[in-house]
Amino acid sequence: MTAALEFDNVWKTYKTGKIEEEVLRGVSFTVERGTFTAIVGPSGSGKSTIIFLAAGIDTPTKGTVRVLGEEISGKGESWRRKWRRRNIGIVFQFFHLVPTLTALENVILSMELAGTPGDRKARARELLEFVGLGGKEDKYPSELSGGEQQRVALARALAHNPPLVLADEPTANLDYENKVRVVKLLREAASEGRTVVFATHDPELVQGADRIIRVLDGRVVEE
């Protein structure tokens, strides 16, 4: 079976004026489908960049990124955006909910962008119930706690049934109880057959991972 995620000698350099910063230095690894994988490393190690490249939000300076059998590193921005809406669910560190939409509407929006068929409102309600937010469908992000907003973001990421879920520091702004809850929900998503890859610097969050990829100074140092 085709791997869910393949990085082959990936380099990423950011330029600010005349200053260049190498964030990734020849990163190579493979993530099999249906696994729950943690990318671990301190702040600034390059793990968030790996998530952004895997999602097609960014492109490598050198090397190849292949996701779900598709080489996305050489594709244009418009192609990557449309492909991402159909195939990837993303949970960001800072939630990125639309503030003028309710929890229910935020989840439905994901399905509208992906063109997901069926009763979108019913599925959105089902997912909000799944993440423990039944009864809060009509709340706006400003009316929800940080942990609740992150769970709405998780429901949004799962709404269009993506085969790959990517999470960038999904628990960084949460208290311990909500950290445990969000990781448990991600693990349950993986148990349903999805591939889940999440970046974190918190060692307590990786105990249930099928696999741990450790990143330091832009390199994979241990798997």
Protein backbone atom coordinates (compact mmCIF):
# COMPACT_ATOMS: atom_id res chain seq x y z
CA MET A 1 0.00 0.00 0.00
CA THR A 2 1.23 3.52 -0.82
CA ALA A 3 2.65 5.40 2.15
CA ALA A 4 0.64 8.33 3.50
CA LEU A 5 3.61 10.66 3.71
CA GLU A 6 7.11 10.56 2.21
CA PHE A 7 9.87 13.13 2.63
CA ASP A 8 12.94 12.52 0.45
CA ASN A 9 16.00 14.67 1.22
CA VAL A 10 13.87 17.74 1.95
CA TRP A 11 15.55 21.08 2.57
CA LYS A 12 13.79 24.33 3.43
CA THR A 13 15.47 27.73 3.47
CA TYR A 14 13.71 30.97 4.38
CA LYS A 15 15.08 34.30 3.18
CA THR A 16 14.62 37.61 4.99
CA GLY A 17 16.37 40.26 2.98
CA LYS A 18 19.95 39.01 2.58
CA ILE A 19 19.67 36.64 5.53
CA GLU A 20 19.04 32.95 4.84
CA GLU A 21 17.94 30.46 7.47
CA GLU A 22 18.01 26.73 6.85
CA VAL A 23 15.04 25.29 8.74
CA LEU A 24 15.19 21.76 7.31
CA ARG A 25 18.43 20.05 6.28
CA GLY A 26 17.97 16.91 4.24
CA VAL A 27 14.96 15.43 6.05
CA SER A 28 13.87 11.96 4.92
CA PHE A 29 11.21 9.69 6.44
CA THR A 30 8.10 7.70 5.54
CA VAL A 31 4.79 7.48 7.42
CA GLU A 32 2.62 4.46 6.67
CA ARG A 33 -1.12 4.79 6.26
CA GLY A 34 -3.38 4.31 9.26
CA THR A 35 -0.70 5.18 11.82
CA PHE A 36 -0.58 7.71 14.66
CA THR A 37 2.77 9.47 14.37
CA ALA A 38 4.32 12.15 16.56
CA ILE A 39 6.98 14.55 15.30
CA VAL A 40 8.86 15.63 18.39
CA GLY A 41 11.41 18.37 18.93
CA PRO A 42 12.08 21.62 20.75
CA SER A 43 10.78 24.95 19.50
CA GLY A 44 12.60 25.95 16.32
CA SER A 45 13.61 22.40 15.42
CA GLY A 46 11.67 22.41 12.14
CA LYS A 47 8.75 20.18 13.07
CA SER A 48 6.08 22.79 12.25
CA THR A 49 7.71 23.33 8.85
CA ILE A 50 7.35 19.60 8.22
CA ILE A 51 3.62 19.86 8.91
CA PHE A 52 3.22 22.85 6.58
CA LEU A 53 5.11 21.09 3.79
CA ALA A 54 3.06 17.92 4.25
CA ALA A 55 -0.13 20.00 3.95
CA GLY A 56 1.07 21.75 0.82
CA ILE A 57 0.86 25.12 2.57
CA ASP A 58 4.54 25.59 1.77
CA THR A 59 6.99 24.00 -0.68
CA PRO A 60 10.54 22.71 -0.12
CA THR A 61 13.62 24.49 -1.36
CA LYS A 62 15.03 21.11 -2.41
CA GLY A 63 13.81 17.55 -2.21
CA THR A 64 10.50 15.79 -2.71
CA VAL A 65 7.32 15.65 -0.63
CA ARG A 66 4.86 12.92 -1.60
CA VAL A 67 1.47 12.71 0.13
CA LEU A 68 -1.03 9.89 -0.39
CA GLY A 69 0.96 8.80 -3.44
CA GLU A 70 0.91 12.27 -5.01
CA GLU A 71 4.07 14.33 -5.39
CA ILE A 72 2.86 17.75 -4.22
CA SER A 73 6.18 19.57 -3.89
CA GLY A 74 6.32 20.55 -7.55
CA LYS A 75 2.69 21.59 -7.92
CA GLY A 76 1.42 25.17 -8.09
CA GLU A 77 -0.35 26.94 -5.24
CA SER A 78 -3.83 26.74 -6.78
CA TRP A 79 -3.52 22.99 -7.37
CA ARG A 80 -2.20 22.42 -3.84
CA ARG A 81 -5.03 24.43 -2.28
CA LYS A 82 -7.75 22.45 -4.07
CA TRP A 83 -6.00 19.15 -3.36
CA ARG A 84 -5.58 20.04 0.33
CA ARG A 85 -9.28 20.85 0.77
CA ARG A 86 -10.19 17.34 -0.40
CA ASN A 87 -7.47 15.26 1.22
CA ILE A 88 -6.09 16.94 4.34
CA GLY A 89 -7.55 17.90 7.69
CA ILE A 90 -5.46 20.43 9.61
CA VAL A 91 -5.50 21.37 13.28
CA PHE A 92 -3.52 24.53 13.98
CA GLN A 93 -1.94 25.67 17.23
CA PHE A 94 -4.02 28.87 17.30
CA PHE A 95 -7.30 27.28 16.12
CA HIS A 96 -7.91 29.65 13.14
CA LEU A 97 -11.68 29.50 13.47
CA VAL A 98 -13.74 32.06 11.54
CA PRO A 99 -14.84 34.45 14.33
CA THR A 100 -18.11 35.46 12.63
CA LEU A 101 -19.30 31.86 12.27
CA THR A 102 -20.73 29.61 14.96
CA ALA A 103 -19.10 26.32 15.93
CA LEU A 104 -21.55 24.50 13.67
CA GLU A 105 -20.95 26.86 10.76
CA ASN A 106 -17.16 26.56 11.11
CA VAL A 107 -17.43 22.79 10.74
CA ILE A 108 -19.87 23.02 7.84
CA LEU A 109 -17.55 25.46 6.03
CA SER A 110 -14.87 22.79 5.81
CA MET A 111 -17.29 20.45 4.03
CA GLU A 112 -18.49 23.21 1.69
CA LEU A 113 -14.90 23.98 0.61
CA ALA A 114 -14.19 20.28 0.03
CA GLY A 115 -17.49 19.66 -1.77
CA THR A 116 -18.44 16.93 0.71
CA PRO A 117 -21.74 15.30 -0.26
CA GLY A 118 -24.61 14.43 2.08
CA ASP A 119 -26.28 16.22 4.98
CA ARG A 120 -23.50 18.57 6.09
CA LYS A 121 -25.41 20.04 9.02
CA ALA A 122 -26.17 16.59 10.45
CA ARG A 123 -22.54 15.52 10.12
CA ALA A 124 -21.33 18.75 11.74
CA ARG A 125 -23.64 18.15 14.70
CA GLU A 126 -22.45 14.56 14.96
CA LEU A 127 -18.80 15.64 15.01
CA LEU A 128 -19.36 18.34 17.61
CA GLU A 129 -21.06 15.72 19.75
CA PHE A 130 -18.06 13.43 19.18
CA VAL A 131 -15.64 16.07 20.51
CA GLY A 132 -17.83 16.77 23.54
CA LEU A 133 -19.47 20.00 22.35
CA GLY A 134 -23.05 18.87 21.94
CA GLY A 135 -25.30 21.78 22.87
CA LYS A 136 -22.69 24.41 21.94
CA GLU A 137 -23.25 24.33 18.19
CA ASP A 138 -24.55 27.91 18.11
CA LYS A 139 -21.72 29.42 20.14
CA TYR A 140 -19.25 31.76 18.46
CA PRO A 141 -15.49 31.23 19.00
CA SER A 142 -15.36 34.20 21.40
CA GLU A 143 -17.93 32.43 23.58
CA LEU A 144 -15.84 29.24 23.85
CA SER A 145 -12.80 28.42 25.96
CA GLY A 146 -9.45 27.65 24.35
CA GLY A 147 -9.99 23.93 24.80
CA GLU A 148 -13.44 24.14 23.26
CA GLN A 149 -12.17 26.14 20.30
CA GLN A 150 -9.48 23.55 19.66
CA ARG A 151 -12.08 20.79 19.71
CA VAL A 152 -14.17 22.72 17.17
CA ALA A 153 -11.00 22.94 15.05
CA LEU A 154 -10.58 19.17 15.37
CA ALA A 155 -14.19 18.56 14.33
CA ARG A 156 -13.62 20.87 11.35
CA ALA A 157 -10.49 18.93 10.39
CA LEU A 158 -12.41 15.63 10.38
CA ALA A 159 -15.58 16.91 8.73
CA HIS A 160 -14.77 16.07 5.11
CA ASN A 161 -13.41 12.59 5.97
CA PRO A 162 -9.79 13.32 5.02
CA PRO A 163 -7.44 10.33 4.77
CA LEU A 164 -4.66 12.40 6.40
CA VAL A 165 -4.99 14.60 9.50
CA LEU A 166 -2.10 16.94 10.35
CA ALA A 167 -1.83 18.82 13.64
CA ASP A 168 0.71 21.52 14.47
CA GLU A 169 1.21 21.85 18.24
CA PRO A 170 -2.50 21.12 18.76
CA THR A 171 -2.26 21.31 22.57
CA ALA A 172 0.25 24.13 23.06
CA ASN A 173 -2.33 26.61 24.38
CA LEU A 174 -4.40 24.17 26.44
CA ASP A 175 -4.45 23.13 30.07
CA TYR A 176 -3.55 19.55 30.97
CA GLU A 177 -7.11 18.23 30.98
CA ASN A 178 -7.81 19.56 27.50
CA LYS A 179 -4.43 18.35 26.26
CA VAL A 180 -5.34 14.82 27.22
CA ARG A 181 -8.79 15.17 25.67
CA VAL A 182 -7.55 16.47 22.32
CA VAL A 183 -4.85 13.79 22.01
CA LYS A 184 -7.43 11.12 22.87
CA LEU A 185 -9.69 12.43 20.10
CA LEU A 186 -6.82 12.43 17.61
CA ARG A 187 -6.00 8.86 18.61
CA GLU A 188 -9.62 7.84 18.07
CA ALA A 189 -9.51 9.44 14.61
CA ALA A 190 -6.49 7.28 13.80
CA SER A 191 -8.25 4.17 15.09
CA GLU A 192 -10.95 4.78 12.45
CA GLY A 193 -8.36 4.27 9.70
CA ARG A 194 -7.08 7.78 9.13
CA THR A 195 -3.40 8.65 9.22
CA VAL A 196 -2.68 11.21 11.93
CA VAL A 197 0.61 13.10 12.15
CA PHE A 198 1.10 15.71 14.85
CA ALA A 199 3.99 17.94 15.88
CA THR A 200 4.66 18.65 19.53
CA HIS A 201 7.42 19.52 21.98
CA ASP A 202 5.52 18.05 24.93
CA PRO A 203 6.85 14.53 25.74
CA GLU A 204 3.72 13.66 27.72
CA LEU A 205 1.61 13.77 24.57
CA VAL A 206 3.46 11.13 22.56
CA GLN A 207 3.05 8.13 24.85
CA GLY A 208 0.25 6.63 22.76
CA ALA A 209 1.93 7.22 19.39
CA ASP A 210 2.61 4.29 17.08
CA ARG A 211 5.81 6.00 16.04
CA ILE A 212 7.94 8.95 17.12
CA ILE A 213 10.12 10.97 14.74
CA ARG A 214 12.56 13.20 16.62
CA VAL A 215 13.75 16.37 14.92
CA LEU A 216 16.62 18.60 16.05
CA ASP A 217 18.10 21.57 14.22
CA GLY A 218 16.28 20.71 11.04
CA ARG A 219 17.35 17.07 10.89
CA VAL A 220 15.73 13.78 11.81
CA VAL A 221 17.92 12.46 14.62
CA GLU A 222 15.94 9.39 15.69
CA GLU A 223 12.92 7.32 14.68
